[in-house]
Protein backbone atom coordinates (compact mmCIF):
# COMPACT_ATOMS: atom_id res chain seq x y z
CA MET A 1 101.35 121.98 100.99
CA SER A 2 103.62 119.00 101.46
CA ASP A 3 104.87 117.74 104.78
CA PRO A 4 108.49 118.92 105.06
CA ASN A 5 109.52 115.47 106.31
CA THR A 6 107.83 113.54 103.49
CA HIS A 7 109.89 112.50 100.48
CA GLN A 8 108.82 110.65 97.40
CA PRO A 9 111.43 108.51 95.67
CA VAL A 10 109.97 107.71 92.24
CA THR A 11 111.27 104.61 90.51
CA SER A 12 111.12 104.00 86.79
CA TYR A 13 112.78 100.90 85.32
CA PHE A 14 113.05 98.59 88.35
CA PRO A 15 112.14 94.90 88.52
CA SER A 16 108.62 94.49 89.90
CA GLN A 17 105.42 92.56 89.33
CA MET A 18 104.59 95.05 86.57
CA GLN A 19 108.05 95.00 85.01
CA ASN A 20 109.19 91.41 84.73
CA PRO A 21 112.93 91.26 84.02
CA ASN A 22 112.43 87.95 82.19
CA ASN A 23 110.13 89.49 79.55
CA PRO A 24 112.36 90.29 76.54
CA ASN A 25 109.72 92.70 75.17
CA GLY A 26 109.13 94.52 78.45
CA MET A 27 110.17 98.04 79.34
CA LEU A 28 112.79 96.77 81.79
CA ALA A 29 114.52 94.85 79.02
CA ARG A 30 114.37 97.96 76.83
CA SER A 31 115.87 100.17 79.55
CA LYS A 32 119.32 99.85 77.94
CA GLU A 33 118.06 101.84 74.98
CA LEU A 34 115.72 104.16 76.92
CA VAL A 35 117.84 105.19 79.91
CA PRO A 36 121.07 107.23 79.72
CA LEU A 37 122.81 104.95 82.25
CA LYS A 38 122.02 102.03 79.91
CA ARG A 39 120.54 99.78 82.61
CA GLY A 40 117.49 99.28 84.75
CA GLY A 41 117.45 100.17 88.42
CA GLU A 42 118.60 97.74 91.07
CA GLU A 43 117.52 97.21 94.67
CA GLU A 44 120.69 98.92 95.87
CA ASP A 45 119.77 102.09 93.97
CA ALA A 46 116.44 102.43 95.77
CA ALA A 47 117.85 101.28 99.12
CA GLY A 48 120.72 103.76 98.89
CA THR A 49 118.30 106.63 98.36
CA ALA A 50 116.15 105.54 101.31
CA ILE A 51 119.20 105.18 103.57
CA TRP A 52 120.46 108.61 102.51
CA LEU A 53 117.07 110.22 103.24
CA ALA A 54 116.87 108.51 106.64
CA SER A 55 120.42 109.52 107.59
CA ARG A 56 121.86 112.78 108.87
CA ALA A 57 123.16 113.44 105.35
CA GLY A 58 119.58 113.75 104.05
CA SER A 59 118.17 115.63 107.03
CA TYR A 60 118.06 118.99 105.23
CA VAL A 61 116.05 117.67 102.28
CA ASP A 62 112.39 118.56 102.63
CA GLY A 63 109.31 117.38 100.75
CA GLN A 64 111.03 116.49 97.48
CA VAL A 65 110.25 114.12 94.65
CA ILE A 66 113.48 112.23 94.01
CA PRO A 67 113.52 110.51 90.62
CA LEU A 68 115.40 107.22 90.45
CA SER A 69 115.41 107.24 86.68
CA GLY A 70 118.93 106.45 85.52
CA GLY A 71 119.14 109.92 84.02
CA ARG A 72 115.94 109.81 81.98
CA ASP A 73 113.95 113.03 82.46
CA TRP A 74 110.32 112.28 83.21
CA GLY A 75 109.50 115.94 83.92
CA TYR A 76 108.91 115.65 87.69
């Protein structure tokens, strides 16, 4: 059973140590062809989700996996 106050934002194509935005052959560079929104994620995308979950607006959300995937279905 999950904790009703625990949420799991799951990121996909975001700049990180594993996904170097300067690597032209990397998955982040290929996100334009792999993701329906035609771009990789940005810090503001993840921050906006965290702020929403921490605010009153997200107070009724409980124990969910929230994909930050640009519209690509990973089957969560």
